[in-house]
Amino acid sequence: MPETQRQSAAPTGAPILTSTLLGALAGAGGLAWWLWRQSQRRQLAERERRLLRLSRFQGGAISDSGVQPEATLKGDALPERVHQLNQAIEEVRRQLEALEAQP
């Protein structure tokens, strides 16, 4: 068999190996990107949950746009909210004392 025919008949494993490695790298890159995006989505969702909890704690002081009104920023609403919570605690305490006093 002439030399040129032997070279063309040789196995072509190098292109297959290269394609396999490039495919693996592309797949790993795609997976890394997808995992990163999922992480970003989770962080955003957690921030939104915290903001919602904070909004509920402050009595809805944060608007839908996520911007706090001026009164909340100045702290004007906080003492009023604390006063309301203290009154509610005192009312519950009175109710518990009334239940304990009953035979």
Protein backbone atom coordinates (compact mmCIF):
# COMPACT_ATOMS: atom_id res chain seq x y z
CA MET A 1 0.00 0.00 0.00
CA PRO A 2 1.46 3.39 -0.92
CA GLU A 3 2.32 5.82 1.89
CA THR A 4 -0.40 8.33 0.99
CA GLN A 5 -3.10 5.70 1.28
CA ARG A 6 -1.83 4.60 4.68
CA GLN A 7 -1.98 8.13 6.05
CA SER A 8 -5.54 8.65 4.86
CA ALA A 9 -6.58 5.29 6.26
CA ALA A 10 -5.22 6.16 9.72
CA PRO A 11 -7.85 6.62 12.43
CA THR A 12 -9.08 10.17 12.86
CA GLY A 13 -9.33 10.25 16.66
CA ALA A 14 -7.91 13.75 17.09
CA PRO A 15 -10.93 15.62 15.64
CA ILE A 16 -13.32 13.46 17.66
CA LEU A 17 -11.36 14.10 20.86
CA THR A 18 -11.22 17.83 20.12
CA SER A 19 -14.95 17.95 19.44
CA THR A 20 -15.65 16.05 22.63
CA LEU A 21 -13.49 18.39 24.71
CA LEU A 22 -15.03 21.49 23.14
CA GLY A 23 -18.52 20.10 23.76
CA ALA A 24 -17.64 19.36 27.38
CA LEU A 25 -16.28 22.88 27.85
CA ALA A 26 -19.35 24.43 26.24
CA GLY A 27 -21.62 22.29 28.44
CA ALA A 28 -19.67 23.20 31.58
CA GLY A 29 -19.83 26.87 30.65
CA GLY A 30 -23.56 26.66 30.04
CA LEU A 31 -24.12 24.88 33.34
CA ALA A 32 -22.02 27.45 35.21
CA TRP A 33 -23.98 30.30 33.62
CA TRP A 34 -27.31 28.65 34.47
CA LEU A 35 -26.26 28.06 38.10
CA TRP A 36 -25.10 31.67 38.38
CA ARG A 37 -28.45 32.95 37.04
CA GLN A 38 -30.35 30.74 39.50
CA SER A 39 -28.24 32.13 42.33
CA GLN A 40 -28.99 35.70 41.21
CA ARG A 41 -32.73 34.94 41.05
CA ARG A 42 -32.68 33.45 44.54
CA GLN A 43 -30.84 36.47 45.93
CA LEU A 44 -33.32 38.83 44.30
CA ALA A 45 -36.27 36.83 45.64
CA GLU A 46 -34.75 36.83 49.13
CA ARG A 47 -34.23 40.61 48.99
CA GLU A 48 -37.85 41.06 47.92
CA ARG A 49 -39.04 38.83 50.77
CA ARG A 50 -36.97 40.81 53.28
CA LEU A 51 -38.33 44.07 51.90
CA LEU A 52 -41.88 42.75 52.16
CA ARG A 53 -41.32 41.62 55.76
CA LEU A 54 -39.82 44.99 56.62
CA SER A 55 -42.76 46.72 54.97
CA ARG A 56 -45.22 44.66 56.99
CA PHE A 57 -43.29 45.30 60.20
CA GLN A 58 -43.34 49.03 59.57
CA GLY A 59 -47.04 48.95 58.88
CA GLY A 60 -46.84 49.11 55.11
CA ALA A 61 -44.56 52.15 55.13
CA ILE A 62 -42.70 51.02 52.01
CA SER A 63 -44.56 51.60 48.78
CA ASP A 64 -44.79 49.19 45.85
CA SER A 65 -41.88 50.95 44.18
CA GLY A 66 -39.65 50.03 47.12
CA VAL A 67 -39.09 53.67 48.09
CA GLN A 68 -39.71 54.69 51.68
CA PRO A 69 -41.84 57.75 52.33
CA GLU A 70 -40.16 60.77 53.91
CA ALA A 71 -41.91 60.29 57.26
CA THR A 72 -40.41 56.83 57.64
CA LEU A 73 -36.98 58.05 56.60
CA LYS A 74 -37.11 60.77 59.26
CA GLY A 75 -38.28 58.27 61.88
CA ASP A 76 -41.58 60.06 62.55
CA ALA A 77 -43.66 56.92 62.14
CA LEU A 78 -41.46 54.66 64.26
CA PRO A 79 -42.33 56.08 67.70
CA GLU A 80 -46.03 55.91 66.84
CA ARG A 81 -45.66 52.29 65.73
CA VAL A 82 -43.77 51.40 68.92
CA HIS A 83 -46.52 53.05 70.97
CA GLN A 84 -49.18 51.00 69.15
CA LEU A 85 -47.25 47.78 69.70
CA ASN A 86 -46.81 48.57 73.40
CA GLN A 87 -50.54 49.16 73.75
CA ALA A 88 -51.29 45.84 72.04
CA ILE A 89 -48.84 44.05 74.35
CA GLU A 90 -50.44 45.65 77.40
CA GLU A 91 -53.91 44.58 76.20
CA VAL A 92 -52.75 40.97 75.78
CA ARG A 93 -51.14 41.09 79.22
CA ARG A 94 -54.43 42.25 80.78
CA GLN A 95 -56.31 39.46 79.00
CA LEU A 96 -53.85 36.86 80.27
CA GLU A 97 -54.12 38.19 83.82
CA ALA A 98 -57.91 38.03 83.56
CA LEU A 99 -57.72 34.39 82.43
CA GLU A 100 -55.37 33.51 85.30
CA ALA A 101 -57.70 35.14 87.84
CA GLN A 102 -60.62 32.96 86.76
CA PRO A 103 -61.00 29.74 88.86
